[in-house]
Amino acid sequence: MLVFGIYLAGLGAVLILVPNVLLGVFGMPPANEVWIRVVGVLASIIAFYYLLAVRQNVRPIFQWSVYARASVVVFFTAFVVAGFAPPMLILFGVVDLLAAGWTQWALMTER
């Protein structure tokens, strides 16, 4: 959760400050509207919650996040299949899925 919180904080900062750099790296078209920065703010807020949960060892949030993060790849894949987004979006969903699996593994091995 700590690593994922740091990842989200970094992603949020990039999406707020220089979103088109990241979009270009992944072959996505530049964004000229505010929405990509709104996503950056939301990612930063979620990172804040995760990092505080780690600090306070709020274990239920860790388990809840597994389900939520695992679902991201399903939604992103649906967006690609529907033609709303380029295939590279699925990569972000895969990162969430792998992180969710890592968190689930850590929770299971700690018991």
PDB file of N, CA and C in Angstrom:
ATOM      1  N   MET A   1       0.825  -1.192   0.000  1.00  0.00           N
ATOM      2  CA  MET A   1       0.000   0.000   0.000  1.00  0.00           C
ATOM      3  C   MET A   1       0.865   1.250   0.000  1.00  0.00           C
ATOM      4  N   LEU A   2       1.978   1.198   0.715  1.00  0.00           N
ATOM      5  CA  LEU A   2       2.880   2.347   0.738  1.00  0.00           C
ATOM      6  C   LEU A   2       3.406   2.627  -0.666  1.00  0.00           C
ATOM      7  N   VAL A   3       3.869   1.590  -1.347  1.00  0.00           N
ATOM      8  CA  VAL A   3       4.408   1.758  -2.696  1.00  0.00           C
ATOM      9  C   VAL A   3       3.330   2.272  -3.637  1.00  0.00           C
ATOM     10  N   PHE A   4       2.127   1.716  -3.544  1.00  0.00           N
ATOM     11  CA  PHE A   4       1.054   2.157  -4.428  1.00  0.00           C
ATOM     12  C   PHE A   4       0.641   3.586  -4.111  1.00  0.00           C
ATOM     13  N   GLY A   5       0.646   3.953  -2.833  1.00  0.00           N
ATOM     14  CA  GLY A   5       0.340   5.329  -2.454  1.00  0.00           C
ATOM     15  C   GLY A   5       1.342   6.310  -3.033  1.00  0.00           C
ATOM     16  N   ILE A   6       2.615   5.939  -2.993  1.00  0.00           N
ATOM     17  CA  ILE A   6       3.663   6.790  -3.573  1.00  0.00           C
ATOM     18  C   ILE A   6       3.495   6.874  -5.089  1.00  0.00           C
ATOM     19  N   TYR A   7       3.210   5.728  -5.718  1.00  0.00           N
ATOM     20  CA  TYR A   7       2.954   5.709  -7.168  1.00  0.00           C
ATOM     21  C   TYR A   7       1.807   6.649  -7.528  1.00  0.00           C
ATOM     22  N   LEU A   8       0.701   6.569  -6.782  1.00  0.00           N
ATOM     23  CA  LEU A   8      -0.453   7.423  -7.069  1.00  0.00           C
ATOM     24  C   LEU A   8      -0.141   8.901  -6.844  1.00  0.00           C
ATOM     25  N   ALA A   9       0.627   9.187  -5.798  1.00  0.00           N
ATOM     26  CA  ALA A   9       1.005  10.581  -5.540  1.00  0.00           C
ATOM     27  C   ALA A   9       1.835  11.126  -6.703  1.00  0.00           C
ATOM     28  N   GLY A  10       2.775  10.335  -7.183  1.00  0.00           N
ATOM     29  CA  GLY A  10       3.589  10.762  -8.327  1.00  0.00           C
ATOM     30  C   GLY A  10       2.762  10.918  -9.587  1.00  0.00           C
ATOM     31  N   LEU A  11       1.889   9.950  -9.840  1.00  0.00           N
ATOM     32  CA  LEU A  11       1.014  10.016 -11.008  1.00  0.00           C
ATOM     33  C   LEU A  11       0.115  11.245 -10.933  1.00  0.00           C
ATOM     34  N   GLY A  12      -0.439  11.497  -9.754  1.00  0.00           N
ATOM     35  CA  GLY A  12      -1.286  12.667  -9.573  1.00  0.00           C
ATOM     36  C   GLY A  12      -0.544  13.959  -9.851  1.00  0.00           C
ATOM     37  N   ALA A  13       0.676  14.063  -9.334  1.00  0.00           N
ATOM     38  CA  ALA A  13       1.475  15.275  -9.549  1.00  0.00           C
ATOM     39  C   ALA A  13       1.772  15.479 -11.033  1.00  0.00           C
ATOM     40  N   VAL A  14       2.125  14.407 -11.727  1.00  0.00           N
ATOM     41  CA  VAL A  14       2.419  14.524 -13.161  1.00  0.00           C
ATOM     42  C   VAL A  14       1.161  14.933 -13.928  1.00  0.00           C
ATOM     43  N   LEU A  15       0.027  14.320 -13.592  1.00  0.00           N
ATOM     44  CA  LEU A  15      -1.213  14.661 -14.304  1.00  0.00           C
ATOM     45  C   LEU A  15      -1.668  16.088 -14.030  1.00  0.00           C
ATOM     46  N   ILE A  16      -1.344  16.602 -12.871  1.00  0.00           N
ATOM     47  CA  ILE A  16      -1.696  17.992 -12.559  1.00  0.00           C
ATOM     48  C   ILE A  16      -0.750  18.965 -13.262  1.00  0.00           C
ATOM     49  N   LEU A  17       0.548  18.674 -13.216  1.00  0.00           N
ATOM     50  CA  LEU A  17       1.555  19.633 -13.678  1.00  0.00           C
ATOM     51  C   LEU A  17       1.913  19.513 -15.156  1.00  0.00           C
ATOM     52  N   VAL A  18       2.129  18.298 -15.634  1.00  0.00           N
ATOM     53  CA  VAL A  18       2.570  18.095 -17.023  1.00  0.00           C
ATOM     54  C   VAL A  18       1.884  16.866 -17.634  1.00  0.00           C
ATOM     55  N   PRO A  19       0.574  16.905 -17.741  1.00  0.00           N
ATOM     56  CA  PRO A  19      -0.145  15.704 -18.188  1.00  0.00           C
ATOM     57  C   PRO A  19       0.239  15.241 -19.586  1.00  0.00           C
ATOM     58  N   ASN A  20       0.516  16.159 -20.480  1.00  0.00           N
ATOM     59  CA  ASN A  20       0.784  15.755 -21.864  1.00  0.00           C
ATOM     60  C   ASN A  20       2.120  15.046 -22.027  1.00  0.00           C
ATOM     61  N   VAL A  21       3.031  15.243 -21.105  1.00  0.00           N
ATOM     62  CA  VAL A  21       4.288  14.489 -21.143  1.00  0.00           C
ATOM     63  C   VAL A  21       3.990  13.009 -20.944  1.00  0.00           C
ATOM     64  N   LEU A  22       3.207  12.703 -19.916  1.00  0.00           N
ATOM     65  CA  LEU A  22       2.861  11.310 -19.640  1.00  0.00           C
ATOM     66  C   LEU A  22       2.005  10.726 -20.762  1.00  0.00           C
ATOM     67  N   LEU A  23       1.036  11.480 -21.213  1.00  0.00           N
ATOM     68  CA  LEU A  23       0.177  10.983 -22.290  1.00  0.00           C
ATOM     69  C   LEU A  23       1.001  10.682 -23.545  1.00  0.00           C
ATOM     70  N   GLY A  24       1.956  11.550 -23.859  1.00  0.00           N
ATOM     71  CA  GLY A  24       2.811  11.332 -25.023  1.00  0.00           C
ATOM     72  C   GLY A  24       3.655  10.082 -24.903  1.00  0.00           C
ATOM     73  N   VAL A  25       4.167   9.811 -23.709  1.00  0.00           N
ATOM     74  CA  VAL A  25       4.980   8.616 -23.483  1.00  0.00           C
ATOM     75  C   VAL A  25       4.175   7.360 -23.794  1.00  0.00           C
ATOM     76  N   PHE A  26       2.901   7.383 -23.493  1.00  0.00           N
ATOM     77  CA  PHE A  26       2.049   6.220 -23.719  1.00  0.00           C
ATOM     78  C   PHE A  26       1.300   6.275 -25.051  1.00  0.00           C
ATOM     79  N   GLY A  27       1.696   7.192 -25.922  1.00  0.00           N
ATOM     80  CA  GLY A  27       1.104   7.258 -27.249  1.00  0.00           C
ATOM     81  C   GLY A  27      -0.333   7.725 -27.263  1.00  0.00           C
ATOM     82  N   MET A  28      -0.718   8.459 -26.251  1.00  0.00           N
ATOM     83  CA  MET A  28      -2.082   8.974 -26.181  1.00  0.00           C
ATOM     84  C   MET A  28      -2.095  10.421 -26.665  1.00  0.00           C
ATOM     85  N   PRO A  29      -3.201  10.872 -27.216  1.00  0.00           N
ATOM     86  CA  PRO A  29      -3.259  12.253 -27.715  1.00  0.00           C
ATOM     87  C   PRO A  29      -3.182  13.260 -26.564  1.00  0.00           C
ATOM     88  N   PRO A  30      -2.636  14.441 -26.844  1.00  0.00           N
ATOM     89  CA  PRO A  30      -2.550  15.458 -25.798  1.00  0.00           C
ATOM     90  C   PRO A  30      -3.936  15.883 -25.319  1.00  0.00           C
ATOM     91  N   ALA A  31      -3.999  16.252 -24.063  1.00  0.00           N
ATOM     92  CA  ALA A  31      -5.261  16.716 -23.476  1.00  0.00           C
ATOM     93  C   ALA A  31      -5.199  18.228 -23.327  1.00  0.00           C
ATOM     94  N   ASN A  32      -6.217  18.888 -23.814  1.00  0.00           N
ATOM     95  CA  ASN A  32      -6.261  20.347 -23.724  1.00  0.00           C
ATOM     96  C   ASN A  32      -7.342  20.847 -22.777  1.00  0.00           C
ATOM     97  N   GLU A  33      -8.121  19.926 -22.258  1.00  0.00           N
ATOM     98  CA  GLU A  33      -9.170  20.298 -21.309  1.00  0.00           C
ATOM     99  C   GLU A  33      -8.693  20.041 -19.884  1.00  0.00           C
ATOM    100  N   VAL A  34      -9.420  20.522 -18.932  1.00  0.00           N
ATOM    101  CA  VAL A  34      -9.027  20.439 -17.525  1.00  0.00           C
ATOM    102  C   VAL A  34      -9.178  19.027 -16.950  1.00  0.00           C
ATOM    103  N   TRP A  35      -9.910  18.146 -17.604  1.00  0.00           N
ATOM    104  CA  TRP A  35     -10.274  16.859 -17.022  1.00  0.00           C
ATOM    105  C   TRP A  35      -9.081  16.001 -16.644  1.00  0.00           C
ATOM    106  N   ILE A  36      -8.032  16.028 -17.414  1.00  0.00           N
ATOM    107  CA  ILE A  36      -6.872  15.209 -17.068  1.00  0.00           C
ATOM    108  C   ILE A  36      -6.251  15.692 -15.760  1.00  0.00           C
ATOM    109  N   ARG A  37      -6.296  16.994 -15.527  1.00  0.00           N
ATOM    110  CA  ARG A  37      -5.780  17.537 -14.260  1.00  0.00           C
ATOM    111  C   ARG A  37      -6.727  17.215 -13.104  1.00  0.00           C
ATOM    112  N   VAL A  38      -8.027  17.157 -13.386  1.00  0.00           N
ATOM    113  CA  VAL A  38      -8.995  16.739 -12.368  1.00  0.00           C
ATOM    114  C   VAL A  38      -8.685  15.305 -11.938  1.00  0.00           C
ATOM    115  N   VAL A  39      -8.379  14.448 -12.899  1.00  0.00           N
ATOM    116  CA  VAL A  39      -7.991  13.069 -12.582  1.00  0.00           C
ATOM    117  C   VAL A  39      -6.730  13.069 -11.715  1.00  0.00           C
ATOM    118  N   GLY A  40      -5.791  13.966 -12.014  1.00  0.00           N
ATOM    119  CA  GLY A  40      -4.582  14.086 -11.202  1.00  0.00           C
ATOM    120  C   GLY A  40      -4.882  14.464  -9.760  1.00  0.00           C
ATOM    121  N   VAL A  41      -5.825  15.386  -9.580  1.00  0.00           N
ATOM    122  CA  VAL A  41      -6.227  15.772  -8.220  1.00  0.00           C
ATOM    123  C   VAL A  41      -6.860  14.574  -7.505  1.00  0.00           C
ATOM    124  N   LEU A  42      -7.731  13.849  -8.194  1.00  0.00           N
ATOM    125  CA  LEU A  42      -8.375  12.680  -7.583  1.00  0.00           C
ATOM    126  C   LEU A  42      -7.345  11.607  -7.223  1.00  0.00           C
ATOM    127  N   ALA A  43      -6.383  11.363  -8.114  1.00  0.00           N
ATOM    128  CA  ALA A  43      -5.325  10.389  -7.807  1.00  0.00           C
ATOM    129  C   ALA A  43      -4.525  10.838  -6.590  1.00  0.00           C
ATOM    130  N   SER A  44      -4.250  12.121  -6.493  1.00  0.00           N
ATOM    131  CA  SER A  44      -3.503  12.647  -5.346  1.00  0.00           C
ATOM    132  C   SER A  44      -4.280  12.486  -4.042  1.00  0.00           C
ATOM    133  N   ILE A  45      -5.575  12.705  -4.095  1.00  0.00           N
ATOM    134  CA  ILE A  45      -6.408  12.546  -2.897  1.00  0.00           C
ATOM    135  C   ILE A  45      -6.468  11.082  -2.471  1.00  0.00           C
ATOM    136  N   ILE A  46      -6.621  10.181  -3.430  1.00  0.00           N
ATOM    137  CA  ILE A  46      -6.616   8.752  -3.095  1.00  0.00           C
ATOM    138  C   ILE A  46      -5.256   8.361  -2.510  1.00  0.00           C
ATOM    139  N   ALA A  47      -4.173   8.894  -3.079  1.00  0.00           N
ATOM    140  CA  ALA A  47      -2.835   8.631  -2.540  1.00  0.00           C
ATOM    141  C   ALA A  47      -2.742   9.100  -1.097  1.00  0.00           C
ATOM    142  N   PHE A  48      -3.291  10.266  -0.812  1.00  0.00           N
ATOM    143  CA  PHE A  48      -3.299  10.806   0.551  1.00  0.00           C
ATOM    144  C   PHE A  48      -3.988   9.830   1.504  1.00  0.00           C
ATOM    145  N   TYR A  49      -5.160   9.323   1.105  1.00  0.00           N
ATOM    146  CA  TYR A  49      -5.879   8.359   1.938  1.00  0.00           C
ATOM    147  C   TYR A  49      -5.050   7.093   2.150  1.00  0.00           C
ATOM    148  N   TYR A  50      -4.477   6.567   1.077  1.00  0.00           N
ATOM    149  CA  TYR A  50      -3.686   5.340   1.189  1.00  0.00           C
ATOM    150  C   TYR A  50      -2.479   5.540   2.099  1.00  0.00           C
ATOM    151  N   LEU A  51      -1.786   6.649   1.933  1.00  0.00           N
ATOM    152  CA  LEU A  51      -0.596   6.886   2.750  1.00  0.00           C
ATOM    153  C   LEU A  51      -0.964   7.072   4.223  1.00  0.00           C
ATOM    154  N   LEU A  52      -2.066   7.739   4.497  1.00  0.00           N
ATOM    155  CA  LEU A  52      -2.524   7.855   5.886  1.00  0.00           C
ATOM    156  C   LEU A  52      -2.967   6.506   6.431  1.00  0.00           C
ATOM    157  N   ALA A  53      -3.622   5.701   5.609  1.00  0.00           N
ATOM    158  CA  ALA A  53      -4.052   4.369   6.048  1.00  0.00           C
ATOM    159  C   ALA A  53      -2.843   3.504   6.388  1.00  0.00           C
ATOM    160  N   VAL A  54      -1.790   3.618   5.601  1.00  0.00           N
ATOM    161  CA  VAL A  54      -0.556   2.878   5.894  1.00  0.00           C
ATOM    162  C   VAL A  54       0.024   3.347   7.223  1.00  0.00           C
ATOM    163  N   ARG A  55       0.077   4.631   7.392  1.00  0.00           N
ATOM    164  CA  ARG A  55       0.661   5.199   8.622  1.00  0.00           C
ATOM    165  C   ARG A  55      -0.119   4.764   9.863  1.00  0.00           C
ATOM    166  N   GLN A  56      -1.439   4.683   9.743  1.00  0.00           N
ATOM    167  CA  GLN A  56      -2.294   4.311  10.869  1.00  0.00           C
ATOM    168  C   GLN A  56      -2.615   2.811  10.899  1.00  0.00           C
ATOM    169  N   ASN A  57      -2.107   2.067   9.920  1.00  0.00           N
ATOM    170  CA  ASN A  57      -2.348   0.625   9.788  1.00  0.00           C
ATOM    171  C   ASN A  57      -3.848   0.301   9.794  1.00  0.00           C
ATOM    172  N   VAL A  58      -4.584   0.993   8.940  1.00  0.00           N
ATOM    173  CA  VAL A  58      -6.029   0.782   8.810  1.00  0.00           C
ATOM    174  C   VAL A  58      -6.245  -0.367   7.834  1.00  0.00           C
ATOM    175  N   ARG A  59      -6.132  -1.564   8.358  1.00  0.00           N
ATOM    176  CA  ARG A  59      -6.125  -2.771   7.525  1.00  0.00           C
ATOM    177  C   ARG A  59      -7.399  -2.985   6.690  1.00  0.00           C
ATOM    178  N   PRO A  60      -8.585  -2.635   7.181  1.00  0.00           N
ATOM    179  CA  PRO A  60      -9.757  -2.831   6.314  1.00  0.00           C
ATOM    180  C   PRO A  60      -9.634  -2.068   4.985  1.00  0.00           C
ATOM    181  N   ILE A  61      -9.053  -0.893   5.009  1.00  0.00           N
ATOM    182  CA  ILE A  61      -8.884  -0.138   3.758  1.00  0.00           C
ATOM    183  C   ILE A  61      -7.977  -0.897   2.794  1.00  0.00           C
ATOM    184  N   PHE A  62      -6.979  -1.588   3.314  1.00  0.00           N
ATOM    185  CA  PHE A  62      -6.082  -2.354   2.445  1.00  0.00           C
ATOM    186  C   PHE A  62      -6.881  -3.407   1.687  1.00  0.00           C
ATOM    187  N   GLN A  63      -7.755  -4.136   2.408  1.00  0.00           N
ATOM    188  CA  GLN A  63      -8.555  -5.175   1.760  1.00  0.00           C
ATOM    189  C   GLN A  63      -9.557  -4.564   0.787  1.00  0.00           C
ATOM    190  N   TRP A  64     -10.218  -3.488   1.196  1.00  0.00           N
ATOM    191  CA  TRP A  64     -11.179  -2.852   0.298  1.00  0.00           C
ATOM    192  C   TRP A  64     -10.507  -2.392  -0.988  1.00  0.00           C
ATOM    193  N   SER A  65      -9.284  -1.896  -0.858  1.00  0.00           N
ATOM    194  CA  SER A  65      -8.574  -1.389  -2.035  1.00  0.00           C
ATOM    195  C   SER A  65      -8.250  -2.499  -3.027  1.00  0.00           C
ATOM    196  N   VAL A  66      -8.094  -3.716  -2.529  1.00  0.00           N
ATOM    197  CA  VAL A  66      -7.817  -4.840  -3.437  1.00  0.00           C
ATOM    198  C   VAL A  66      -8.960  -4.980  -4.428  1.00  0.00           C
ATOM    199  N   TYR A  67     -10.177  -4.972  -3.935  1.00  0.00           N
ATOM    200  CA  TYR A  67     -11.339  -5.133  -4.820  1.00  0.00           C
ATOM    201  C   TYR A  67     -11.466  -3.959  -5.792  1.00  0.00           C
ATOM    202  N   ALA A  68     -11.309  -2.758  -5.271  1.00  0.00           N
ATOM    203  CA  ALA A  68     -11.457  -1.560  -6.107  1.00  0.00           C
ATOM    204  C   ALA A  68     -10.370  -1.511  -7.181  1.00  0.00           C
ATOM    205  N   ARG A  69      -9.117  -1.744  -6.795  1.00  0.00           N
ATOM    206  CA  ARG A  69      -8.025  -1.649  -7.763  1.00  0.00           C
ATOM    207  C   ARG A  69      -8.076  -2.774  -8.790  1.00  0.00           C
ATOM    208  N   ALA A  70      -8.534  -3.948  -8.386  1.00  0.00           N
ATOM    209  CA  ALA A  70      -8.659  -5.054  -9.339  1.00  0.00           C
ATOM    210  C   ALA A  70      -9.727  -4.758 -10.392  1.00  0.00           C
ATOM    211  N   SER A  71     -10.726  -3.979 -10.037  1.00  0.00           N
ATOM    212  CA  SER A  71     -11.796  -3.672 -10.990  1.00  0.00           C
ATOM    213  C   SER A  71     -11.373  -2.652 -12.045  1.00  0.00           C
ATOM    214  N   VAL A  72     -10.328  -1.900 -11.789  1.00  0.00           N
ATOM    215  CA  VAL A  72      -9.904  -0.848 -12.726  1.00  0.00           C
ATOM    216  C   VAL A  72      -9.598  -1.436 -14.102  1.00  0.00           C
ATOM    217  N   VAL A  73      -8.902  -2.560 -14.152  1.00  0.00           N
ATOM    218  CA  VAL A  73      -8.548  -3.148 -15.446  1.00  0.00           C
ATOM    219  C   VAL A  73      -9.801  -3.539 -16.233  1.00  0.00           C
ATOM    220  N   VAL A  74     -10.842  -3.950 -15.545  1.00  0.00           N
ATOM    221  CA  VAL A  74     -12.095  -4.316 -16.225  1.00  0.00           C
ATOM    222  C   VAL A  74     -12.707  -3.081 -16.887  1.00  0.00           C
ATOM    223  N   PHE A  75     -12.789  -1.988 -16.142  1.00  0.00           N
ATOM    224  CA  PHE A  75     -13.364  -0.760 -16.692  1.00  0.00           C
ATOM    225  C   PHE A  75     -12.515  -0.205 -17.828  1.00  0.00           C
ATOM    226  N   PHE A  76     -11.195  -0.167 -17.649  1.00  0.00           N
ATOM    227  CA  PHE A  76     -10.323   0.386 -18.687  1.00  0.00           C
ATOM    228  C   PHE A  76     -10.382  -0.464 -19.950  1.00  0.00           C
ATOM    229  N   THR A  77     -10.453  -1.777 -19.795  1.00  0.00           N
ATOM    230  CA  THR A  77     -10.584  -2.651 -20.963  1.00  0.00           C
ATOM    231  C   THR A  77     -11.914  -2.403 -21.673  1.00  0.00           C
ATOM    232  N   ALA A  78     -12.968  -2.218 -20.909  1.00  0.00           N
ATOM    233  CA  ALA A  78     -14.280  -1.915 -21.506  1.00  0.00           C
ATOM    234  C   ALA A  78     -14.234  -0.596 -22.271  1.00  0.00           C
ATOM    235  N   PHE A  79     -13.539   0.398 -21.735  1.00  0.00           N
ATOM    236  CA  PHE A  79     -13.413   1.677 -22.439  1.00  0.00           C
ATOM    237  C   PHE A  79     -12.695   1.497 -23.766  1.00  0.00           C
ATOM    238  N   VAL A  80     -11.665   0.674 -23.776  1.00  0.00           N
ATOM    239  CA  VAL A  80     -10.915   0.427 -25.013  1.00  0.00           C
ATOM    240  C   VAL A  80     -11.786  -0.327 -26.012  1.00  0.00           C
ATOM    241  N   VAL A  81     -12.453  -1.372 -25.556  1.00  0.00           N
ATOM    242  CA  VAL A  81     -13.310  -2.177 -26.439  1.00  0.00           C
ATOM    243  C   VAL A  81     -14.437  -1.317 -27.024  1.00  0.00           C
ATOM    244  N   ALA A  82     -14.961  -0.397 -26.226  1.00  0.00           N
ATOM    245  CA  ALA A  82     -16.036   0.482 -26.704  1.00  0.00           C
ATOM    246  C   ALA A  82     -15.531   1.588 -27.627  1.00  0.00           C
ATOM    247  N   GLY A  83     -14.218   1.709 -27.759  1.00  0.00           N
ATOM    248  CA  GLY A  83     -13.651   2.726 -28.639  1.00  0.00           C
ATOM    249  C   GLY A  83     -13.499   4.091 -27.992  1.00  0.00           C
ATOM    250  N   PHE A  84     -13.648   4.159 -26.673  1.00  0.00           N
ATOM    251  CA  PHE A  84     -13.516   5.439 -25.972  1.00  0.00           C
ATOM    252  C   PHE A  84     -12.068   5.817 -25.689  1.00  0.00           C
ATOM    253  N   ALA A  85     -11.163   4.840 -25.714  1.00  0.00           N
ATOM    254  CA  ALA A  85      -9.775   5.095 -25.318  1.00  0.00           C
ATOM    255  C   ALA A  85      -8.830   4.209 -26.114  1.00  0.00           C
ATOM    256  N   PRO A  86      -7.580   4.639 -26.248  1.00  0.00           N
ATOM    257  CA  PRO A  86      -6.593   3.808 -26.938  1.00  0.00           C
ATOM    258  C   PRO A  86      -6.183   2.618 -26.058  1.00  0.00           C
ATOM    259  N   PRO A  87      -5.691   1.554 -26.679  1.00  0.00           N
ATOM    260  CA  PRO A  87      -5.329   0.338 -25.936  1.00  0.00           C
ATOM    261  C   PRO A  87      -4.310   0.548 -24.810  1.00  0.00           C
ATOM    262  N   MET A  88      -3.476   1.573 -24.906  1.00  0.00           N
ATOM    263  CA  MET A  88      -2.480   1.803 -23.859  1.00  0.00           C
ATOM    264  C   MET A  88      -3.114   2.056 -22.495  1.00  0.00           C
ATOM    265  N   LEU A  89      -4.381   2.458 -22.466  1.00  0.00           N
ATOM    266  CA  LEU A  89      -5.051   2.694 -21.192  1.00  0.00           C
ATOM    267  C   LEU A  89      -5.096   1.420 -20.355  1.00  0.00           C
ATOM    268  N   ILE A  90      -5.171   0.290 -21.014  1.00  0.00           N
ATOM    269  CA  ILE A  90      -5.230  -0.987 -20.296  1.00  0.00           C
ATOM    270  C   ILE A  90      -3.985  -1.178 -19.430  1.00  0.00           C
ATOM    271  N   LEU A  91      -2.857  -0.637 -19.875  1.00  0.00           N
ATOM    272  CA  LEU A  91      -1.619  -0.764 -19.097  1.00  0.00           C
ATOM    273  C   LEU A  91      -1.778  -0.177 -17.693  1.00  0.00           C
ATOM    274  N   PHE A  92      -2.462   0.948 -17.582  1.00  0.00           N
ATOM    275  CA  PHE A  92      -2.696   1.538 -16.261  1.00  0.00           C
ATOM    276  C   PHE A  92      -3.563   0.612 -15.406  1.00  0.00           C
ATOM    277  N   GLY A  93      -4.517  -0.039 -16.033  1.00  0.00           N
ATOM    278  CA  GLY A  93      -5.346  -1.005 -15.316  1.00  0.00           C
ATOM    279  C   GLY A  93      -4.556  -2.218 -14.867  1.00  0.00           C
ATOM    280  N   VAL A  94      -3.606  -2.635 -15.689  1.00  0.00           N
ATOM    281  CA  VAL A  94      -2.755  -3.769 -15.322  1.00  0.00           C
ATOM    282  C   VAL A  94      -1.893  -3.419 -14.105  1.00  0.00           C
ATOM    283  N   VAL A  95      -1.386  -2.192 -14.046  1.00  0.00           N
ATOM    284  CA  VAL A  95      -0.616  -1.757 -12.876  1.00  0.00           C
ATOM    285  C   VAL A  95      -1.482  -1.871 -11.627  1.00  0.00           C
ATOM    286  N   ASP A  96      -2.714  -1.415 -11.695  1.00  0.00           N
ATOM    287  CA  ASP A  96      -3.630  -1.511 -10.555  1.00  0.00           C
ATOM    288  C   ASP A  96      -3.896  -2.968 -10.184  1.00  0.00           C
ATOM    289  N   LEU A  97      -4.099  -3.814 -11.185  1.00  0.00           N
ATOM    290  CA  LEU A  97      -4.368  -5.230 -10.933  1.00  0.00           C
ATOM    291  C   LEU A  97      -3.175  -5.894 -10.250  1.00  0.00           C
ATOM    292  N   LEU A  98      -1.973  -5.637 -10.752  1.00  0.00           N
ATOM    293  CA  LEU A  98      -0.774  -6.222 -10.134  1.00  0.00           C
ATOM    294  C   LEU A  98      -0.581  -5.721  -8.707  1.00  0.00           C
ATOM    295  N   ALA A  99      -0.807  -4.444  -8.501  1.00  0.00           N
ATOM    296  CA  ALA A  99      -0.671  -3.884  -7.148  1.00  0.00           C
ATOM    297  C   ALA A  99      -1.729  -4.479  -6.212  1.00  0.00           C
ATOM    298  N   ALA A 100      -2.935  -4.681  -6.721  1.00  0.00           N
ATOM    299  CA  ALA A 100      -3.991  -5.296  -5.907  1.00  0.00           C
ATOM    300  C   ALA A 100      -3.603  -6.728  -5.535  1.00  0.00           C
ATOM    301  N   GLY A 101      -3.059  -7.442  -6.484  1.00  0.00           N
ATOM    302  CA  GLY A 101      -2.599  -8.805  -6.198  1.00  0.00           C
ATOM    303  C   GLY A 101      -1.482  -8.839  -5.170  1.00  0.00           C
ATOM    304  N   TRP A 102      -0.557  -7.899  -5.270  1.00  0.00           N
ATOM    305  CA  TRP A 102       0.537  -7.804  -4.301  1.00  0.00           C
ATOM    306  C   TRP A 102      -0.017  -7.513  -2.906  1.00  0.00           C
ATOM    307  N   THR A 103      -0.973  -6.591  -2.831  1.00  0.00           N
ATOM    308  CA  THR A 103      -1.580  -6.262  -1.540  1.00  0.00           C
ATOM    309  C   THR A 103      -2.308  -7.474  -0.964  1.00  0.00           C
ATOM    310  N   GLN A 104      -3.062  -8.171  -1.805  1.00  0.00           N
ATOM    311  CA  GLN A 104      -3.784  -9.361  -1.332  1.00  0.00           C
ATOM    312  C   GLN A 104      -2.809 -10.415  -0.838  1.00  0.00           C
ATOM    313  N   TRP A 105      -1.734 -10.633  -1.572  1.00  0.00           N
ATOM    314  CA  TRP A 105      -0.716 -11.602  -1.165  1.00  0.00           C
ATOM    315  C   TRP A 105      -0.120 -11.197   0.191  1.00  0.00           C
ATOM    316  N   ALA A 106       0.198  -9.912   0.349  1.00  0.00           N
ATOM    317  CA  ALA A 106       0.778  -9.439   1.610  1.00  0.00           C
ATOM    318  C   ALA A 106      -0.191  -9.623   2.765  1.00  0.00           C
ATOM    319  N   LEU A 107      -1.469  -9.348   2.520  1.00  0.00           N
ATOM    320  CA  LEU A 107      -2.470  -9.523   3.575  1.00  0.00           C
ATOM    321  C   LEU A 107      -2.600 -10.993   3.965  1.00  0.00           C
ATOM    322  N   MET A 108      -2.557 -11.875   2.990  1.00  0.00           N
ATOM    323  CA  MET A 108      -2.702 -13.312   3.258  1.00  0.00           C
ATOM    324  C   MET A 108      -1.472 -13.873   3.980  1.00  0.00           C
ATOM    325  N   THR A 109      -0.307 -13.423   3.603  1.00  0.00           N
ATOM    326  CA  THR A 109       0.906 -13.962   4.232  1.00  0.00           C
ATOM    327  C   THR A 109       1.141 -13.409   5.625  1.00  0.00           C
ATOM    328  N   GLU A 110       0.547 -12.264   5.942  1.00  0.00           N
ATOM    329  CA  GLU A 110       0.691 -11.678   7.276  1.00  0.00           C
ATOM    330  C   GLU A 110      -0.183 -12.365   8.304  1.00  0.00           C
ATOM    331  N   ARG A 111      -1.236 -13.017   7.858  1.00  0.00           N
ATOM    332  CA  ARG A 111      -2.192 -13.634   8.802  1.00  0.00           C
ATOM    333  C   ARG A 111      -1.576 -14.762   9.545  1.00  0.00           C
TER     334      ARG A 111
END
